[in-house]
Amino acid sequence: MARLVDRPVERLETGPGGGPRRFRALGRSWTVARVVEVWKDTGCWWAGEGEKVFFRLETACGRLVELYRDQEAGKWFIYRVYD
């Protein structure tokens, strides 16, 4: 089961390829063990939404989370946390 959170990431450290390596969100720190999947969402152009790049990540504690980077704003968000 997944929980939709869509909250800003407080702090983020990227790795050599630009993907997340460590981040702080939801009041805790997370370390990325591996990137499971990366995809782009172009958003609804009629609603003025810009492109987002999503990352499905496995954390060091074994939890799956999804982050995205709002390309226009240059900000990161934690989107979904899997139980």
PDB file of N, CA and C in Angstrom:
ATOM      1  N   MET A   1       0.842  -1.178   0.000  1.00  0.00           N
ATOM      2  CA  MET A   1       0.000   0.000   0.000  1.00  0.00           C
ATOM      3  C   MET A   1       0.889   1.244   0.000  1.00  0.00           C
ATOM      4  N   ALA A   2       0.441   2.272  -0.652  1.00  0.00           N
ATOM      5  CA  ALA A   2       1.214   3.510  -0.747  1.00  0.00           C
ATOM      6  C   ALA A   2       0.426   4.666  -0.142  1.00  0.00           C
ATOM      7  N   ARG A   3       1.178   5.594   0.401  1.00  0.00           N
ATOM      8  CA  ARG A   3       0.579   6.787   1.006  1.00  0.00           C
ATOM      9  C   ARG A   3       1.040   7.994   0.196  1.00  0.00           C
ATOM     10  N   LEU A   4       0.088   8.757  -0.338  1.00  0.00           N
ATOM     11  CA  LEU A   4       0.402   9.967  -1.087  1.00  0.00           C
ATOM     12  C   LEU A   4       0.659  11.096  -0.104  1.00  0.00           C
ATOM     13  N   VAL A   5       1.832  11.740  -0.200  1.00  0.00           N
ATOM     14  CA  VAL A   5       2.172  12.816   0.736  1.00  0.00           C
ATOM     15  C   VAL A   5       2.402  14.151   0.024  1.00  0.00           C
ATOM     16  N   ASP A   6       3.093  14.172  -1.094  1.00  0.00           N
ATOM     17  CA  ASP A   6       3.357  15.359  -1.911  1.00  0.00           C
ATOM     18  C   ASP A   6       3.763  16.582  -1.080  1.00  0.00           C
ATOM     19  N   ARG A   7       4.855  16.430  -0.345  1.00  0.00           N
ATOM     20  CA  ARG A   7       5.373  17.500   0.530  1.00  0.00           C
ATOM     21  C   ARG A   7       6.781  17.890   0.086  1.00  0.00           C
ATOM     22  N   PRO A   8       7.187  19.129   0.322  1.00  0.00           N
ATOM     23  CA  PRO A   8       8.537  19.550  -0.070  1.00  0.00           C
ATOM     24  C   PRO A   8       9.625  18.769   0.674  1.00  0.00           C
ATOM     25  N   VAL A   9      10.714  18.511  -0.028  1.00  0.00           N
ATOM     26  CA  VAL A   9      11.905  17.923   0.584  1.00  0.00           C
ATOM     27  C   VAL A   9      12.661  19.064   1.251  1.00  0.00           C
ATOM     28  N   GLU A  10      13.044  18.856   2.509  1.00  0.00           N
ATOM     29  CA  GLU A  10      13.715  19.913   3.275  1.00  0.00           C
ATOM     30  C   GLU A  10      15.163  20.113   2.840  1.00  0.00           C
ATOM     31  N   ARG A  11      15.833  19.013   2.529  1.00  0.00           N
ATOM     32  CA  ARG A  11      17.250  19.054   2.155  1.00  0.00           C
ATOM     33  C   ARG A  11      17.521  17.857   1.252  1.00  0.00           C
ATOM     34  N   LEU A  12      18.384  18.032   0.256  1.00  0.00           N
ATOM     35  CA  LEU A  12      18.666  16.935  -0.657  1.00  0.00           C
ATOM     36  C   LEU A  12      20.112  17.005  -1.127  1.00  0.00           C
ATOM     37  N   GLU A  13      20.746  15.837  -1.158  1.00  0.00           N
ATOM     38  CA  GLU A  13      22.111  15.694  -1.678  1.00  0.00           C
ATOM     39  C   GLU A  13      22.028  14.779  -2.888  1.00  0.00           C
ATOM     40  N   THR A  14      22.573  15.227  -4.012  1.00  0.00           N
ATOM     41  CA  THR A  14      22.517  14.419  -5.222  1.00  0.00           C
ATOM     42  C   THR A  14      23.811  13.645  -5.426  1.00  0.00           C
ATOM     43  N   GLY A  15      23.707  12.579  -6.199  1.00  0.00           N
ATOM     44  CA  GLY A  15      24.866  11.771  -6.554  1.00  0.00           C
ATOM     45  C   GLY A  15      25.467  12.253  -7.862  1.00  0.00           C
ATOM     46  N   PRO A  16      26.455  11.533  -8.393  1.00  0.00           N
ATOM     47  CA  PRO A  16      27.164  11.938  -9.607  1.00  0.00           C
ATOM     48  C   PRO A  16      26.257  12.145 -10.829  1.00  0.00           C
ATOM     49  N   GLY A  17      25.196  11.355 -10.963  1.00  0.00           N
ATOM     50  CA  GLY A  17      24.293  11.488 -12.113  1.00  0.00           C
ATOM     51  C   GLY A  17      23.175  12.490 -11.907  1.00  0.00           C
ATOM     52  N   GLY A  18      23.148  13.154 -10.760  1.00  0.00           N
ATOM     53  CA  GLY A  18      22.111  14.143 -10.477  1.00  0.00           C
ATOM     54  C   GLY A  18      20.902  13.600  -9.745  1.00  0.00           C
ATOM     55  N   GLY A  19      20.852  12.293  -9.536  1.00  0.00           N
ATOM     56  CA  GLY A  19      19.740  11.697  -8.797  1.00  0.00           C
ATOM     57  C   GLY A  19      19.944  11.822  -7.300  1.00  0.00           C
ATOM     58  N   PRO A  20      18.887  11.641  -6.529  1.00  0.00           N
ATOM     59  CA  PRO A  20      18.981  11.769  -5.071  1.00  0.00           C
ATOM     60  C   PRO A  20      19.897  10.718  -4.448  1.00  0.00           C
ATOM     61  N   ARG A  21      20.692  11.140  -3.477  1.00  0.00           N
ATOM     62  CA  ARG A  21      21.543  10.219  -2.716  1.00  0.00           C
ATOM     63  C   ARG A  21      21.116  10.205  -1.250  1.00  0.00           C
ATOM     64  N   ARG A  22      20.869  11.373  -0.692  1.00  0.00           N
ATOM     65  CA  ARG A  22      20.356  11.513   0.683  1.00  0.00           C
ATOM     66  C   ARG A  22      19.378  12.670   0.683  1.00  0.00           C
ATOM     67  N   PHE A  23      18.358  12.565   1.550  1.00  0.00           N
ATOM     68  CA  PHE A  23      17.425  13.680   1.652  1.00  0.00           C
ATOM     69  C   PHE A  23      16.749  13.679   3.019  1.00  0.00           C
ATOM     70  N   ARG A  24      16.193  14.826   3.345  1.00  0.00           N
ATOM     71  CA  ARG A  24      15.434  14.980   4.585  1.00  0.00           C
ATOM     72  C   ARG A  24      14.027  15.408   4.203  1.00  0.00           C
ATOM     73  N   ALA A  25      13.054  14.632   4.696  1.00  0.00           N
ATOM     74  CA  ALA A  25      11.646  14.912   4.426  1.00  0.00           C
ATOM     75  C   ALA A  25      10.805  14.229   5.493  1.00  0.00           C
ATOM     76  N   LEU A  26       9.648  14.793   5.744  1.00  0.00           N
ATOM     77  CA  LEU A  26       8.701  14.234   6.716  1.00  0.00           C
ATOM     78  C   LEU A  26       9.333  14.082   8.094  1.00  0.00           C
ATOM     79  N   GLY A  27      10.256  14.979   8.426  1.00  0.00           N
ATOM     80  CA  GLY A  27      10.864  14.989   9.750  1.00  0.00           C
ATOM     81  C   GLY A  27      11.946  13.957   9.988  1.00  0.00           C
ATOM     82  N   ARG A  28      12.429  13.321   8.925  1.00  0.00           N
ATOM     83  CA  ARG A  28      13.498  12.331   9.100  1.00  0.00           C
ATOM     84  C   ARG A  28      14.467  12.370   7.933  1.00  0.00           C
ATOM     85  N   SER A  29      15.619  11.753   8.136  1.00  0.00           N
ATOM     86  CA  SER A  29      16.637  11.665   7.086  1.00  0.00           C
ATOM     87  C   SER A  29      16.552  10.303   6.413  1.00  0.00           C
ATOM     88  N   TRP A  30      16.753  10.284   5.106  1.00  0.00           N
ATOM     89  CA  TRP A  30      16.682   9.070   4.303  1.00  0.00           C
ATOM     90  C   TRP A  30      17.977   8.948   3.502  1.00  0.00           C
ATOM     91  N   THR A  31      18.486   7.732   3.372  1.00  0.00           N
ATOM     92  CA  THR A  31      19.640   7.445   2.524  1.00  0.00           C
ATOM     93  C   THR A  31      19.167   6.521   1.414  1.00  0.00           C
ATOM     94  N   VAL A  32      19.521   6.842   0.192  1.00  0.00           N
ATOM     95  CA  VAL A  32      19.085   6.062  -0.964  1.00  0.00           C
ATOM     96  C   VAL A  32      20.024   4.873  -1.162  1.00  0.00           C
ATOM     97  N   ALA A  33      19.457   3.668  -1.188  1.00  0.00           N
ATOM     98  CA  ALA A  33      20.233   2.458  -1.464  1.00  0.00           C
ATOM     99  C   ALA A  33      20.350   2.240  -2.971  1.00  0.00           C
ATOM    100  N   ARG A  34      19.236   2.501  -3.692  1.00  0.00           N
ATOM    101  CA  ARG A  34      19.277   2.362  -5.153  1.00  0.00           C
ATOM    102  C   ARG A  34      18.092   3.073  -5.791  1.00  0.00           C
ATOM    103  N   VAL A  35      18.298   3.480  -7.014  1.00  0.00           N
ATOM    104  CA  VAL A  35      17.227   4.065  -7.821  1.00  0.00           C
ATOM    105  C   VAL A  35      16.549   2.916  -8.551  1.00  0.00           C
ATOM    106  N   VAL A  36      15.263   2.747  -8.320  1.00  0.00           N
ATOM    107  CA  VAL A  36      14.511   1.649  -8.924  1.00  0.00           C
ATOM    108  C   VAL A  36      14.020   2.030 -10.318  1.00  0.00           C
ATOM    109  N   GLU A  37      13.534   3.263 -10.452  1.00  0.00           N
ATOM    110  CA  GLU A  37      12.951   3.695 -11.726  1.00  0.00           C
ATOM    111  C   GLU A  37      12.984   5.223 -11.809  1.00  0.00           C
ATOM    112  N   VAL A  38      13.120   5.733 -13.021  1.00  0.00           N
ATOM    113  CA  VAL A  38      13.075   7.181 -13.280  1.00  0.00           C
ATOM    114  C   VAL A  38      12.136   7.396 -14.461  1.00  0.00           C
ATOM    115  N   TRP A  39      11.249   8.392 -14.368  1.00  0.00           N
ATOM    116  CA  TRP A  39      10.375   8.729 -15.485  1.00  0.00           C
ATOM    117  C   TRP A  39      10.010  10.208 -15.439  1.00  0.00           C
ATOM    118  N   LYS A  40       9.551  10.707 -16.579  1.00  0.00           N
ATOM    119  CA  LYS A  40       9.138  12.110 -16.690  1.00  0.00           C
ATOM    120  C   LYS A  40       7.630  12.183 -16.863  1.00  0.00           C
ATOM    121  N   ASP A  41       7.052  13.220 -16.262  1.00  0.00           N
ATOM    122  CA  ASP A  41       5.632  13.521 -16.416  1.00  0.00           C
ATOM    123  C   ASP A  41       5.552  14.950 -16.932  1.00  0.00           C
ATOM    124  N   THR A  42       4.905  15.134 -18.062  1.00  0.00           N
ATOM    125  CA  THR A  42       4.845  16.469 -18.658  1.00  0.00           C
ATOM    126  C   THR A  42       3.780  17.352 -18.032  1.00  0.00           C
ATOM    127  N   GLY A  43       2.913  16.802 -17.204  1.00  0.00           N
ATOM    128  CA  GLY A  43       1.878  17.602 -16.552  1.00  0.00           C
ATOM    129  C   GLY A  43       0.766  17.970 -17.517  1.00  0.00           C
ATOM    130  N   CYS A  44      -0.217  18.656 -17.002  1.00  0.00           N
ATOM    131  CA  CYS A  44      -1.358  19.102 -17.799  1.00  0.00           C
ATOM    132  C   CYS A  44      -1.053  20.493 -18.346  1.00  0.00           C
ATOM    133  N   TRP A  45      -0.744  20.576 -19.620  1.00  0.00           N
ATOM    134  CA  TRP A  45      -0.354  21.859 -20.205  1.00  0.00           C
ATOM    135  C   TRP A  45      -1.451  22.904 -20.051  1.00  0.00           C
ATOM    136  N   TRP A  46      -2.730  22.463 -20.129  1.00  0.00           N
ATOM    137  CA  TRP A  46      -3.854  23.399 -20.016  1.00  0.00           C
ATOM    138  C   TRP A  46      -4.007  23.956 -18.599  1.00  0.00           C
ATOM    139  N   ALA A  47      -3.392  23.289 -17.625  1.00  0.00           N
ATOM    140  CA  ALA A  47      -3.434  23.766 -16.236  1.00  0.00           C
ATOM    141  C   ALA A  47      -2.137  24.496 -15.864  1.00  0.00           C
ATOM    142  N   GLY A  48      -1.236  24.633 -16.836  1.00  0.00           N
ATOM    143  CA  GLY A  48       0.015  25.343 -16.587  1.00  0.00           C
ATOM    144  C   GLY A  48       1.040  24.544 -15.803  1.00  0.00           C
ATOM    145  N   GLU A  49       0.855  23.216 -15.744  1.00  0.00           N
ATOM    146  CA  GLU A  49       1.809  22.375 -15.013  1.00  0.00           C
ATOM    147  C   GLU A  49       3.048  22.128 -15.869  1.00  0.00           C
ATOM    148  N   GLY A  50       4.193  22.209 -15.242  1.00  0.00           N
ATOM    149  CA  GLY A  50       5.449  21.958 -15.937  1.00  0.00           C
ATOM    150  C   GLY A  50       5.884  20.512 -15.806  1.00  0.00           C
ATOM    151  N   GLU A  51       7.030  20.211 -16.400  1.00  0.00           N
ATOM    152  CA  GLU A  51       7.577  18.859 -16.377  1.00  0.00           C
ATOM    153  C   GLU A  51       8.121  18.509 -14.999  1.00  0.00           C
ATOM    154  N   LYS A  52       7.886  17.260 -14.604  1.00  0.00           N
ATOM    155  CA  LYS A  52       8.423  16.719 -13.355  1.00  0.00           C
ATOM    156  C   LYS A  52       9.192  15.449 -13.686  1.00  0.00           C
ATOM    157  N   VAL A  53      10.319  15.269 -13.013  1.00  0.00           N
ATOM    158  CA  VAL A  53      11.091  14.034 -13.152  1.00  0.00           C
ATOM    159  C   VAL A  53      10.925  13.257 -11.852  1.00  0.00           C
ATOM    160  N   PHE A  54      10.368  12.055 -11.957  1.00  0.00           N
ATOM    161  CA  PHE A  54      10.089  11.210 -10.798  1.00  0.00           C
ATOM    162  C   PHE A  54      11.191  10.175 -10.614  1.00  0.00           C
ATOM    163  N   PHE A  55      11.473   9.868  -9.354  1.00  0.00           N
ATOM    164  CA  PHE A  55      12.437   8.837  -8.977  1.00  0.00           C
ATOM    165  C   PHE A  55      11.768   7.906  -7.979  1.00  0.00           C
ATOM    166  N   ARG A  56      11.679   6.624  -8.320  1.00  0.00           N
ATOM    167  CA  ARG A  56      11.250   5.623  -7.338  1.00  0.00           C
ATOM    168  C   ARG A  56      12.529   5.075  -6.729  1.00  0.00           C
ATOM    169  N   LEU A  57      12.626   5.167  -5.399  1.00  0.00           N
ATOM    170  CA  LEU A  57      13.864   4.863  -4.691  1.00  0.00           C
ATOM    171  C   LEU A  57      13.658   3.788  -3.640  1.00  0.00           C
ATOM    172  N   GLU A  58      14.674   2.962  -3.461  1.00  0.00           N
ATOM    173  CA  GLU A  58      14.720   2.065  -2.309  1.00  0.00           C
ATOM    174  C   GLU A  58      15.682   2.703  -1.316  1.00  0.00           C
ATOM    175  N   THR A  59      15.218   2.877  -0.085  1.00  0.00           N
ATOM    176  CA  THR A  59      16.060   3.507   0.932  1.00  0.00           C
ATOM    177  C   THR A  59      16.903   2.459   1.649  1.00  0.00           C
ATOM    178  N   ALA A  60      17.880   2.918   2.404  1.00  0.00           N
ATOM    179  CA  ALA A  60      18.769   2.020   3.151  1.00  0.00           C
ATOM    180  C   ALA A  60      17.997   1.163   4.147  1.00  0.00           C
ATOM    181  N   CYS A  61      16.856   1.655   4.622  1.00  0.00           N
ATOM    182  CA  CYS A  61      16.052   0.873   5.574  1.00  0.00           C
ATOM    183  C   CYS A  61      15.064  -0.054   4.858  1.00  0.00           C
ATOM    184  N   GLY A  62      15.128  -0.114   3.510  1.00  0.00           N
ATOM    185  CA  GLY A  62      14.310  -1.047   2.751  1.00  0.00           C
ATOM    186  C   GLY A  62      12.950  -0.527   2.321  1.00  0.00           C
ATOM    187  N   ARG A  63      12.672   0.720   2.563  1.00  0.00           N
ATOM    188  CA  ARG A  63      11.379   1.298   2.205  1.00  0.00           C
ATOM    189  C   ARG A  63      11.440   1.894   0.794  1.00  0.00           C
ATOM    190  N   LEU A  64      10.333   1.801   0.069  1.00  0.00           N
ATOM    191  CA  LEU A  64      10.233   2.437  -1.240  1.00  0.00           C
ATOM    192  C   LEU A  64       9.586   3.804  -1.089  1.00  0.00           C
ATOM    193  N   VAL A  65      10.155   4.798  -1.754  1.00  0.00           N
ATOM    194  CA  VAL A  65       9.591   6.148  -1.765  1.00  0.00           C
ATOM    195  C   VAL A  65       9.702   6.702  -3.179  1.00  0.00           C
ATOM    196  N   GLU A  66       8.856   7.671  -3.486  1.00  0.00           N
ATOM    197  CA  GLU A  66       8.947   8.379  -4.753  1.00  0.00           C
ATOM    198  C   GLU A  66       9.200   9.853  -4.479  1.00  0.00           C
ATOM    199  N   LEU A  67      10.205  10.381  -5.154  1.00  0.00           N
ATOM    200  CA  LEU A  67      10.494  11.810  -5.130  1.00  0.00           C
ATOM    201  C   LEU A  67      10.297  12.335  -6.539  1.00  0.00           C
ATOM    202  N   TYR A  68      10.024  13.632  -6.645  1.00  0.00           N
ATOM    203  CA  TYR A  68      10.073  14.255  -7.957  1.00  0.00           C
ATOM    204  C   TYR A  68      10.714  15.621  -7.863  1.00  0.00           C
ATOM    205  N   ARG A  69      11.272  16.033  -8.991  1.00  0.00           N
ATOM    206  CA  ARG A  69      11.860  17.364  -9.113  1.00  0.00           C
ATOM    207  C   ARG A  69      11.001  18.151 -10.077  1.00  0.00           C
ATOM    208  N   ASP A  70      10.450  19.251  -9.590  1.00  0.00           N
ATOM    209  CA  ASP A  70       9.703  20.174 -10.439  1.00  0.00           C
ATOM    210  C   ASP A  70      10.741  20.930 -11.264  1.00  0.00           C
ATOM    211  N   GLN A  71      10.817  20.633 -12.547  1.00  0.00           N
ATOM    212  CA  GLN A  71      11.873  21.179 -13.397  1.00  0.00           C
ATOM    213  C   GLN A  71      11.793  22.704 -13.508  1.00  0.00           C
ATOM    214  N   GLU A  72      10.596  23.239 -13.556  1.00  0.00           N
ATOM    215  CA  GLU A  72      10.427  24.689 -13.695  1.00  0.00           C
ATOM    216  C   GLU A  72      10.848  25.429 -12.428  1.00  0.00           C
ATOM    217  N   ALA A  73      10.420  24.925 -11.277  1.00  0.00           N
ATOM    218  CA  ALA A  73      10.724  25.583  -9.998  1.00  0.00           C
ATOM    219  C   ALA A  73      12.089  25.181  -9.450  1.00  0.00           C
ATOM    220  N   GLY A  74      12.617  24.029  -9.913  1.00  0.00           N
ATOM    221  CA  GLY A  74      13.897  23.547  -9.405  1.00  0.00           C
ATOM    222  C   GLY A  74      13.810  23.022  -7.984  1.00  0.00           C
ATOM    223  N   LYS A  75      12.617  22.601  -7.565  1.00  0.00           N
ATOM    224  CA  LYS A  75      12.411  22.115  -6.194  1.00  0.00           C
ATOM    225  C   LYS A  75      12.078  20.631  -6.196  1.00  0.00           C
ATOM    226  N   TRP A  76      12.451  19.973  -5.084  1.00  0.00           N
ATOM    227  CA  TRP A  76      12.213  18.546  -4.892  1.00  0.00           C
ATOM    228  C   TRP A  76      11.053  18.332  -3.926  1.00  0.00           C
ATOM    229  N   PHE A  77      10.288  17.250  -4.174  1.00  0.00           N
ATOM    230  CA  PHE A  77       9.154  16.884  -3.333  1.00  0.00           C
ATOM    231  C   PHE A  77       9.168  15.382  -3.088  1.00  0.00           C
ATOM    232  N   ILE A  78       8.738  14.979  -1.896  1.00  0.00           N
ATOM    233  CA  ILE A  78       8.488  13.561  -1.643  1.00  0.00           C
ATOM    234  C   ILE A  78       7.026  13.347  -2.003  1.00  0.00           C
ATOM    235  N   TYR A  79       6.780  12.443  -2.931  1.00  0.00           N
ATOM    236  CA  TYR A  79       5.451  12.270  -3.494  1.00  0.00           C
ATOM    237  C   TYR A  79       4.680  11.128  -2.839  1.00  0.00           C
ATOM    238  N   ARG A  80       5.338   9.986  -2.703  1.00  0.00           N
ATOM    239  CA  ARG A  80       4.646   8.794  -2.212  1.00  0.00           C
ATOM    240  C   ARG A  80       5.593   7.973  -1.348  1.00  0.00           C
ATOM    241  N   VAL A  81       5.036   7.359  -0.297  1.00  0.00           N
ATOM    242  CA  VAL A  81       5.785   6.454   0.578  1.00  0.00           C
ATOM    243  C   VAL A  81       5.037   5.126   0.591  1.00  0.00           C
ATOM    244  N   TYR A  82       5.747   4.047   0.292  1.00  0.00           N
ATOM    245  CA  TYR A  82       5.146   2.708   0.274  1.00  0.00           C
ATOM    246  C   TYR A  82       5.347   2.042   1.626  1.00  0.00           C
ATOM    247  N   ASP A  83       4.304   1.376   2.100  1.00  0.00           N
ATOM    248  CA  ASP A  83       4.376   0.649   3.381  1.00  0.00           C
ATOM    249  C   ASP A  83       5.090  -0.672   3.221  1.00  0.00           C
TER     250      ASP A  83
END
